[in-house]
Amino acid sequence: MSKFDRLEWTQKVAALNERIRGFQANPSQEQLELAINELRAYADAASAGMEIPPRFIAS
């Protein structure tokens, strides 16, 4: 995994975690939608070829 790929993956995970924390702190419909959108963005990036470290892939 290149440094760039690792950075991209780390940024996506950090953004996803922030959205989930936001929802946990304030469980509103708006926060839920933001968290779901962030999950979709992560899934889209993963399906578009973003490299994910193997230890984070469920088998």
Foldseek 3Di string as FASTA:
>chain_A
DDPVLVVVLVVLVVLLVVLVVVCVVPVDPVSVVSNVVSVVVNVVCVVVPRDDPPVPDDD
